[in-house]
Amino acid sequence: MEALHKAVRLALSEVADPGKAPVMQAYMKSDMPFLGVQSTPRRTALKRVFAEHVFETAPEWRRAVLALWRDAEYREERYAAIELTGHRSYRGFQSLYALPMYEEMIVTGAWWDYVDDLAVHRVGGLLSAFPDTMRPLMLEWARGGDLWKRRTAILCQNRFRSATDTGLLYACIEPSLSDTDFFARKAIGWALREYAKTNPGEVVRYVDHMGISGLSRREALKNVPATR
C-alpha cells in the first residue's frame, strides 16, 4: 500500500504545475492543498502507476484505496483513490462489499468533487447490479441527516436514462425539497435534468405538481423547450 502511495505521489508531482495549485484550491474551497495537476495529465500518470501496481483480490484493492484516501496530503491523491475504485482491472470487485468503502469516502470527503463521481459512477453501479439491497439503502440515505449521503441517493441514477426508477428518484428527492442548502437543491435539479433527457414531459409534470421552484426548478428544466 505504501509503495502505491509513493508511486502515485511521485507520478503526480512529475506532471504538477505548482503555479496552478493555489487557484485550484481556492476554486474548490479546499482545506487540503493541491499539487496543481489537471485532469488529463493526472489520468495519464495514474494509468501507468495502476498498471504497475495490481491487486489480485478485492480485500487488497479495498485496503489500497482506503490507504490512499486516508493518507492523502494533496487533493489529487484523493482523486487518485477514486480513480482506483473505477479502474477496469477491478470491475469484478464492484460488489456490496465495496459499499462501506464508498460510504466512508462520501462521508469523509463531504464535497461535490468527490461525492458526485462516487454517487453516479460507483453507487449507481451498485444500485443497478443489486437493486434489492441498494434501493432500501438509498431511501435510508435520502431520509438521513448527512447531506452528502442524501445527495448521493438523489444522484445515483443520473446515468440510468430509460431505466430510471422514478418512484425511487422521487422518494430520494422529496426529503430534501425543504432543504435550503445549495448542494441539496442543485442535486435535485441535476437529477431531474438528467431524467428529462429521457422523459421531459414527466419531469415538467413532476416539477409543476410538487411546486419545485428556484434553483432546483431552473436546473431541472434547463434543457426542456420553453414551448412545453
C-alpha atoms as a PDB file:
ATOM      1  CA  MET A   1       0.000   0.000   0.000  1.00  0.00           C
ATOM      2  CA  GLU A   2       2.822   2.381   0.894  1.00  0.00           C
ATOM      3  CA  ALA A   3       4.569   1.630  -2.400  1.00  0.00           C
ATOM      4  CA  LEU A   4       1.431   2.555  -4.319  1.00  0.00           C
ATOM      5  CA  HIS A   5       1.040   5.809  -2.441  1.00  0.00           C
ATOM      6  CA  LYS A   6       4.653   6.783  -3.087  1.00  0.00           C
ATOM      7  CA  ALA A   7       4.302   5.930  -6.750  1.00  0.00           C
ATOM      8  CA  VAL A   8       1.079   7.950  -7.030  1.00  0.00           C
ATOM      9  CA  ARG A   9       2.603  10.991  -5.359  1.00  0.00           C
ATOM     10  CA  LEU A  10       5.755  10.824  -7.480  1.00  0.00           C
ATOM     11  CA  ALA A  11       3.788  10.435 -10.706  1.00  0.00           C
ATOM     12  CA  LEU A  12       1.520  13.336  -9.823  1.00  0.00           C
ATOM     13  CA  SER A  13       4.378  15.581  -8.772  1.00  0.00           C
ATOM     14  CA  GLU A  14       6.086  14.975 -12.120  1.00  0.00           C
ATOM     15  CA  VAL A  15       3.122  16.425 -14.020  1.00  0.00           C
ATOM     16  CA  ALA A  16       2.174  19.102 -11.492  1.00  0.00           C
ATOM     17  CA  ASP A  17       2.144  22.804 -12.182  1.00  0.00           C
ATOM     18  CA  PRO A  18       2.593  24.322  -8.711  1.00  0.00           C
ATOM     19  CA  GLY A  19       1.521  27.694 -10.041  1.00  0.00           C
ATOM     20  CA  LYS A  20      -1.964  26.333 -10.625  1.00  0.00           C
ATOM     21  CA  ALA A  21      -2.282  24.804  -7.164  1.00  0.00           C
ATOM     22  CA  PRO A  22      -3.497  27.916  -5.263  1.00  0.00           C
ATOM     23  CA  VAL A  23      -6.104  28.677  -7.914  1.00  0.00           C
ATOM     24  CA  MET A  24      -7.377  25.092  -7.856  1.00  0.00           C
ATOM     25  CA  GLN A  25      -7.525  25.108  -4.068  1.00  0.00           C
ATOM     26  CA  ALA A  26      -9.404  28.396  -3.997  1.00  0.00           C
ATOM     27  CA  TYR A  27     -11.891  27.254  -6.630  1.00  0.00           C
ATOM     28  CA  MET A  28     -12.623  24.062  -4.737  1.00  0.00           C
ATOM     29  CA  LYS A  29     -12.700  25.888  -1.368  1.00  0.00           C
ATOM     30  CA  SER A  30     -10.471  23.112  -0.101  1.00  0.00           C
ATOM     31  CA  ASP A  31      -8.573  22.948   3.179  1.00  0.00           C
ATOM     32  CA  MET A  32      -6.448  20.210   1.644  1.00  0.00           C
ATOM     33  CA  PRO A  33      -3.794  21.634  -0.686  1.00  0.00           C
ATOM     34  CA  PHE A  34      -3.433  20.789  -4.358  1.00  0.00           C
ATOM     35  CA  LEU A  35      -0.307  19.792  -6.228  1.00  0.00           C
ATOM     36  CA  GLY A  36      -1.539  21.588  -9.324  1.00  0.00           C
ATOM     37  CA  VAL A  37      -2.336  18.612 -11.573  1.00  0.00           C
ATOM     38  CA  GLN A  38      -5.152  18.971 -14.053  1.00  0.00           C
ATOM     39  CA  SER A  39      -7.409  16.078 -15.003  1.00  0.00           C
ATOM     40  CA  THR A  40      -5.873  14.905 -18.289  1.00  0.00           C
ATOM     41  CA  PRO A  41      -2.242  14.645 -17.145  1.00  0.00           C
ATOM     42  CA  ARG A  42      -3.469  13.178 -13.864  1.00  0.00           C
ATOM     43  CA  ARG A  43      -5.307  10.354 -15.596  1.00  0.00           C
ATOM     44  CA  THR A  44      -2.373   9.661 -17.890  1.00  0.00           C
ATOM     45  CA  ALA A  45       0.062   9.495 -14.972  1.00  0.00           C
ATOM     46  CA  LEU A  46      -2.225   7.291 -12.887  1.00  0.00           C
ATOM     47  CA  LYS A  47      -2.860   4.888 -15.741  1.00  0.00           C
ATOM     48  CA  ARG A  48       0.834   3.994 -15.730  1.00  0.00           C
ATOM     49  CA  VAL A  49       1.010   3.706 -11.943  1.00  0.00           C
ATOM     50  CA  PHE A  50      -2.064   1.487 -11.706  1.00  0.00           C
ATOM     51  CA  ALA A  51      -0.683  -0.797 -14.412  1.00  0.00           C
ATOM     52  CA  GLU A  52       2.450  -1.288 -12.329  1.00  0.00           C
ATOM     53  CA  HIS A  53       0.651  -1.904  -9.011  1.00  0.00           C
ATOM     54  CA  VAL A  54      -2.010  -4.575  -9.457  1.00  0.00           C
ATOM     55  CA  PHE A  55      -4.114  -6.087  -6.672  1.00  0.00           C
ATOM     56  CA  GLU A  56      -5.236  -9.664  -7.035  1.00  0.00           C
ATOM     57  CA  THR A  57      -8.058  -9.731  -4.509  1.00  0.00           C
ATOM     58  CA  ALA A  58     -10.925  -7.453  -3.573  1.00  0.00           C
ATOM     59  CA  PRO A  59      -9.711  -7.021   0.040  1.00  0.00           C
ATOM     60  CA  GLU A  60      -6.273  -5.918  -1.193  1.00  0.00           C
ATOM     61  CA  TRP A  61      -7.879  -3.453  -3.586  1.00  0.00           C
ATOM     62  CA  ARG A  62     -10.139  -2.002  -0.895  1.00  0.00           C
ATOM     63  CA  ARG A  63      -7.250  -1.623   1.542  1.00  0.00           C
ATOM     64  CA  ALA A  64      -5.190   0.123  -1.138  1.00  0.00           C
ATOM     65  CA  VAL A  65      -7.983   2.535  -1.983  1.00  0.00           C
ATOM     66  CA  LEU A  66      -8.644   3.426   1.636  1.00  0.00           C
ATOM     67  CA  ALA A  67      -4.953   3.807   2.465  1.00  0.00           C
ATOM     68  CA  LEU A  68      -4.549   6.202  -0.437  1.00  0.00           C
ATOM     69  CA  TRP A  69      -7.690   8.078   0.599  1.00  0.00           C
ATOM     70  CA  ARG A  70      -6.957   8.294   4.320  1.00  0.00           C
ATOM     71  CA  ASP A  71      -3.267   9.151   3.994  1.00  0.00           C
ATOM     72  CA  ALA A  72      -3.689  11.741   1.237  1.00  0.00           C
ATOM     73  CA  GLU A  73      -1.901  15.038   1.767  1.00  0.00           C
ATOM     74  CA  TYR A  74      -2.982  16.558  -1.541  1.00  0.00           C
ATOM     75  CA  ARG A  75      -6.417  16.596  -3.086  1.00  0.00           C
ATOM     76  CA  GLU A  76      -5.221  14.932  -6.270  1.00  0.00           C
ATOM     77  CA  GLU A  77      -4.237  11.898  -4.191  1.00  0.00           C
ATOM     78  CA  ARG A  78      -7.859  11.509  -3.187  1.00  0.00           C
ATOM     79  CA  TYR A  79      -8.843  11.849  -6.828  1.00  0.00           C
ATOM     80  CA  ALA A  80      -6.399   9.024  -7.462  1.00  0.00           C
ATOM     81  CA  ALA A  81      -8.157   6.876  -4.859  1.00  0.00           C
ATOM     82  CA  ILE A  82     -11.473   7.468  -6.616  1.00  0.00           C
ATOM     83  CA  GLU A  83      -9.934   6.581  -9.975  1.00  0.00           C
ATOM     84  CA  LEU A  84      -8.530   3.389  -8.490  1.00  0.00           C
ATOM     85  CA  THR A  85     -12.038   2.379  -7.437  1.00  0.00           C
ATOM     86  CA  GLY A  86     -13.123   2.557 -11.063  1.00  0.00           C
ATOM     87  CA  HIS A  87     -10.110   1.005 -12.744  1.00  0.00           C
ATOM     88  CA  ARG A  88     -11.094  -1.613 -15.308  1.00  0.00           C
ATOM     89  CA  SER A  89      -8.955  -4.266 -13.592  1.00  0.00           C
ATOM     90  CA  TYR A  90     -11.322  -4.198 -10.631  1.00  0.00           C
ATOM     91  CA  ARG A  91     -14.724  -4.268 -12.311  1.00  0.00           C
ATOM     92  CA  GLY A  92     -15.284  -7.690 -10.813  1.00  0.00           C
ATOM     93  CA  PHE A  93     -14.825  -6.230  -7.337  1.00  0.00           C
ATOM     94  CA  GLN A  94     -17.808  -3.893  -7.659  1.00  0.00           C
ATOM     95  CA  SER A  95     -19.963  -5.702  -5.151  1.00  0.00           C
ATOM     96  CA  LEU A  96     -21.837  -4.821  -1.986  1.00  0.00           C
ATOM     97  CA  TYR A  97     -18.595  -5.440  -0.107  1.00  0.00           C
ATOM     98  CA  ALA A  98     -17.272  -2.238  -1.670  1.00  0.00           C
ATOM     99  CA  LEU A  99     -20.156  -0.192  -0.293  1.00  0.00           C
ATOM    100  CA  PRO A 100     -18.680   0.566   3.166  1.00  0.00           C
ATOM    101  CA  MET A 101     -15.584   1.926   1.386  1.00  0.00           C
ATOM    102  CA  TYR A 102     -17.702   4.208  -0.783  1.00  0.00           C
ATOM    103  CA  GLU A 103     -19.748   5.310   2.200  1.00  0.00           C
ATOM    104  CA  GLU A 104     -16.610   6.275   4.093  1.00  0.00           C
ATOM    105  CA  MET A 105     -15.298   8.240   1.120  1.00  0.00           C
ATOM    106  CA  ILE A 106     -18.618  10.051   0.719  1.00  0.00           C
ATOM    107  CA  VAL A 107     -18.946  10.962   4.389  1.00  0.00           C
ATOM    108  CA  THR A 108     -15.328  11.986   4.959  1.00  0.00           C
ATOM    109  CA  GLY A 109     -14.928  13.611   1.536  1.00  0.00           C
ATOM    110  CA  ALA A 110     -18.036  15.723   2.080  1.00  0.00           C
ATOM    111  CA  TRP A 111     -17.684  17.854  -1.040  1.00  0.00           C
ATOM    112  CA  TRP A 112     -19.138  17.707  -4.522  1.00  0.00           C
ATOM    113  CA  ASP A 113     -15.949  16.893  -6.455  1.00  0.00           C
ATOM    114  CA  TYR A 114     -15.572  13.647  -4.539  1.00  0.00           C
ATOM    115  CA  VAL A 115     -19.172  12.753  -3.889  1.00  0.00           C
ATOM    116  CA  ASP A 116     -20.646  13.249  -7.338  1.00  0.00           C
ATOM    117  CA  ASP A 117     -18.208  10.890  -9.025  1.00  0.00           C
ATOM    118  CA  LEU A 118     -18.796   8.240  -6.382  1.00  0.00           C
ATOM    119  CA  ALA A 119     -22.574   8.714  -6.476  1.00  0.00           C
ATOM    120  CA  VAL A 120     -23.002   8.479 -10.230  1.00  0.00           C
ATOM    121  CA  HIS A 121     -20.278   6.016 -11.194  1.00  0.00           C
ATOM    122  CA  ARG A 122     -19.901   3.756  -8.145  1.00  0.00           C
ATOM    123  CA  VAL A 123     -23.034   3.788  -6.010  1.00  0.00           C
ATOM    124  CA  GLY A 124     -25.161   3.975  -9.147  1.00  0.00           C
ATOM    125  CA  GLY A 125     -23.451   0.872 -10.459  1.00  0.00           C
ATOM    126  CA  LEU A 126     -24.199  -0.993  -7.255  1.00  0.00           C
ATOM    127  CA  LEU A 127     -27.833   0.099  -7.396  1.00  0.00           C
ATOM    128  CA  SER A 128     -28.108  -1.261 -10.932  1.00  0.00           C
ATOM    129  CA  ALA A 129     -26.464  -4.562 -10.015  1.00  0.00           C
ATOM    130  CA  PHE A 130     -28.036  -5.097  -6.582  1.00  0.00           C
ATOM    131  CA  PRO A 131     -31.384  -3.252  -6.541  1.00  0.00           C
ATOM    132  CA  ASP A 132     -32.995  -5.354  -3.811  1.00  0.00           C
ATOM    133  CA  THR A 133     -30.328  -4.293  -1.327  1.00  0.00           C
ATOM    134  CA  MET A 134     -29.458  -0.857  -2.652  1.00  0.00           C
ATOM    135  CA  ARG A 135     -32.958   0.520  -3.140  1.00  0.00           C
ATOM    136  CA  PRO A 136     -33.917   0.479   0.572  1.00  0.00           C
ATOM    137  CA  LEU A 137     -30.461   1.725   1.468  1.00  0.00           C
ATOM    138  CA  MET A 138     -30.782   4.726  -0.861  1.00  0.00           C
ATOM    139  CA  LEU A 139     -34.133   5.509   0.720  1.00  0.00           C
ATOM    140  CA  GLU A 140     -32.466   5.372   4.124  1.00  0.00           C
ATOM    141  CA  TRP A 141     -29.667   7.675   2.967  1.00  0.00           C
ATOM    142  CA  ALA A 142     -32.174  10.062   1.398  1.00  0.00           C
ATOM    143  CA  ARG A 143     -34.013  10.438   4.694  1.00  0.00           C
ATOM    144  CA  GLY A 144     -30.896  10.742   6.846  1.00  0.00           C
ATOM    145  CA  GLY A 145     -29.106  13.732   8.254  1.00  0.00           C
ATOM    146  CA  ASP A 146     -25.912  13.548   6.208  1.00  0.00           C
ATOM    147  CA  LEU A 147     -26.133  15.992   3.300  1.00  0.00           C
ATOM    148  CA  TRP A 148     -23.665  14.088   1.137  1.00  0.00           C
ATOM    149  CA  LYS A 149     -25.364  10.732   1.546  1.00  0.00           C
ATOM    150  CA  ARG A 150     -28.657  12.424   0.669  1.00  0.00           C
ATOM    151  CA  ARG A 151     -27.016  13.966  -2.395  1.00  0.00           C
ATOM    152  CA  THR A 152     -25.669  10.534  -3.348  1.00  0.00           C
ATOM    153  CA  ALA A 153     -29.123   8.979  -3.100  1.00  0.00           C
ATOM    154  CA  ILE A 154     -30.554  11.718  -5.326  1.00  0.00           C
ATOM    155  CA  LEU A 155     -27.821  11.497  -7.961  1.00  0.00           C
ATOM    156  CA  CYS A 156     -27.149   7.766  -8.108  1.00  0.00           C
ATOM    157  CA  GLN A 157     -29.488   7.193 -11.071  1.00  0.00           C
ATOM    158  CA  ASN A 158     -28.114  10.025 -13.198  1.00  0.00           C
ATOM    159  CA  ARG A 159     -26.875   7.670 -15.920  1.00  0.00           C
ATOM    160  CA  PHE A 160     -29.868   5.340 -15.919  1.00  0.00           C
ATOM    161  CA  ARG A 161     -31.906   7.175 -18.584  1.00  0.00           C
ATOM    162  CA  SER A 162     -34.907   4.964 -19.515  1.00  0.00           C
ATOM    163  CA  ALA A 163     -34.025   2.504 -16.740  1.00  0.00           C
ATOM    164  CA  THR A 164     -34.593   5.179 -14.095  1.00  0.00           C
ATOM    165  CA  ASP A 165     -36.792   4.035 -11.234  1.00  0.00           C
ATOM    166  CA  THR A 166     -38.893   7.189 -10.988  1.00  0.00           C
ATOM    167  CA  GLY A 167     -40.506   6.081  -7.763  1.00  0.00           C
ATOM    168  CA  LEU A 168     -37.106   5.768  -6.152  1.00  0.00           C
ATOM    169  CA  LEU A 169     -35.893   9.020  -7.696  1.00  0.00           C
ATOM    170  CA  TYR A 170     -38.828  10.992  -6.332  1.00  0.00           C
ATOM    171  CA  ALA A 171     -38.658   9.261  -2.962  1.00  0.00           C
ATOM    172  CA  CYS A 172     -34.996  10.251  -2.691  1.00  0.00           C
ATOM    173  CA  ILE A 173     -35.676  13.832  -3.765  1.00  0.00           C
ATOM    174  CA  GLU A 174     -38.651  14.615  -1.574  1.00  0.00           C
ATOM    175  CA  PRO A 175     -36.984  14.516   1.875  1.00  0.00           C
ATOM    176  CA  SER A 176     -34.634  17.256   0.621  1.00  0.00           C
ATOM    177  CA  LEU A 177     -37.213  19.528  -1.016  1.00  0.00           C
ATOM    178  CA  SER A 178     -37.389  21.766   2.040  1.00  0.00           C
ATOM    179  CA  ASP A 179     -33.606  21.902   2.424  1.00  0.00           C
ATOM    180  CA  THR A 180     -32.229  25.357   1.634  1.00  0.00           C
ATOM    181  CA  ASP A 181     -28.663  24.089   1.179  1.00  0.00           C
ATOM    182  CA  PHE A 182     -27.260  24.875  -2.264  1.00  0.00           C
ATOM    183  CA  PHE A 183     -25.875  21.373  -2.765  1.00  0.00           C
ATOM    184  CA  ALA A 184     -29.178  19.701  -1.935  1.00  0.00           C
ATOM    185  CA  ARG A 185     -31.125  21.970  -4.280  1.00  0.00           C
ATOM    186  CA  LYS A 186     -28.541  21.624  -7.040  1.00  0.00           C
ATOM    187  CA  ALA A 187     -28.650  17.834  -6.748  1.00  0.00           C
ATOM    188  CA  ILE A 188     -32.429  17.795  -7.098  1.00  0.00           C
ATOM    189  CA  GLY A 189     -32.275  19.936 -10.213  1.00  0.00           C
ATOM    190  CA  TRP A 190     -29.417  17.984 -11.761  1.00  0.00           C
ATOM    191  CA  ALA A 191     -31.080  14.603 -11.200  1.00  0.00           C
ATOM    192  CA  LEU A 192     -34.319  15.823 -12.765  1.00  0.00           C
ATOM    193  CA  ARG A 193     -32.453  17.439 -15.663  1.00  0.00           C
ATOM    194  CA  GLU A 194     -30.777  14.123 -16.456  1.00  0.00           C
ATOM    195  CA  TYR A 195     -34.086  12.279 -16.390  1.00  0.00           C
ATOM    196  CA  ALA A 196     -35.626  14.990 -18.583  1.00  0.00           C
ATOM    197  CA  LYS A 197     -33.283  13.858 -21.373  1.00  0.00           C
ATOM    198  CA  THR A 198     -35.392  10.694 -21.473  1.00  0.00           C
ATOM    199  CA  ASN A 199     -38.797  11.897 -20.332  1.00  0.00           C
ATOM    200  CA  PRO A 200     -39.132  15.702 -20.368  1.00  0.00           C
ATOM    201  CA  GLY A 201     -42.908  15.648 -20.059  1.00  0.00           C
ATOM    202  CA  GLU A 202     -42.758  13.642 -16.854  1.00  0.00           C
ATOM    203  CA  VAL A 203     -40.181  15.996 -15.358  1.00  0.00           C
ATOM    204  CA  VAL A 204     -42.317  19.032 -16.229  1.00  0.00           C
ATOM    205  CA  ARG A 205     -45.338  17.319 -14.646  1.00  0.00           C
ATOM    206  CA  TYR A 206     -43.403  16.470 -11.505  1.00  0.00           C
ATOM    207  CA  VAL A 207     -41.844  19.911 -11.103  1.00  0.00           C
ATOM    208  CA  ASP A 208     -45.220  21.599 -11.526  1.00  0.00           C
ATOM    209  CA  HIS A 209     -47.048  19.108  -9.304  1.00  0.00           C
ATOM    210  CA  MET A 210     -44.535  19.388  -6.472  1.00  0.00           C
ATOM    211  CA  GLY A 211     -44.260  23.149  -6.733  1.00  0.00           C
ATOM    212  CA  ILE A 212     -40.490  22.981  -7.061  1.00  0.00           C
ATOM    213  CA  SER A 213     -39.122  26.479  -7.547  1.00  0.00           C
ATOM    214  CA  GLY A 214     -35.885  28.413  -7.584  1.00  0.00           C
ATOM    215  CA  LEU A 215     -32.567  26.748  -8.269  1.00  0.00           C
ATOM    216  CA  SER A 216     -33.917  23.199  -8.465  1.00  0.00           C
ATOM    217  CA  ARG A 217     -36.591  24.168 -10.992  1.00  0.00           C
ATOM    218  CA  ARG A 218     -34.189  26.122 -13.190  1.00  0.00           C
ATOM    219  CA  GLU A 219     -31.767  23.212 -13.245  1.00  0.00           C
ATOM    220  CA  ALA A 220     -34.459  20.607 -13.870  1.00  0.00           C
ATOM    221  CA  LEU A 221     -35.957  22.456 -16.842  1.00  0.00           C
ATOM    222  CA  LYS A 222     -32.746  23.861 -18.279  1.00  0.00           C
ATOM    223  CA  ASN A 223     -32.883  21.757 -21.440  1.00  0.00           C
ATOM    224  CA  VAL A 224     -36.658  21.430 -21.740  1.00  0.00           C
ATOM    225  CA  PRO A 225     -38.045  23.580 -24.607  1.00  0.00           C
ATOM    226  CA  ALA A 226     -39.682  26.779 -23.398  1.00  0.00           C
ATOM    227  CA  THR A 227     -42.735  25.956 -25.510  1.00  0.00           C
ATOM    228  CA  ARG A 228     -43.531  22.989 -23.282  1.00  0.00           C
END
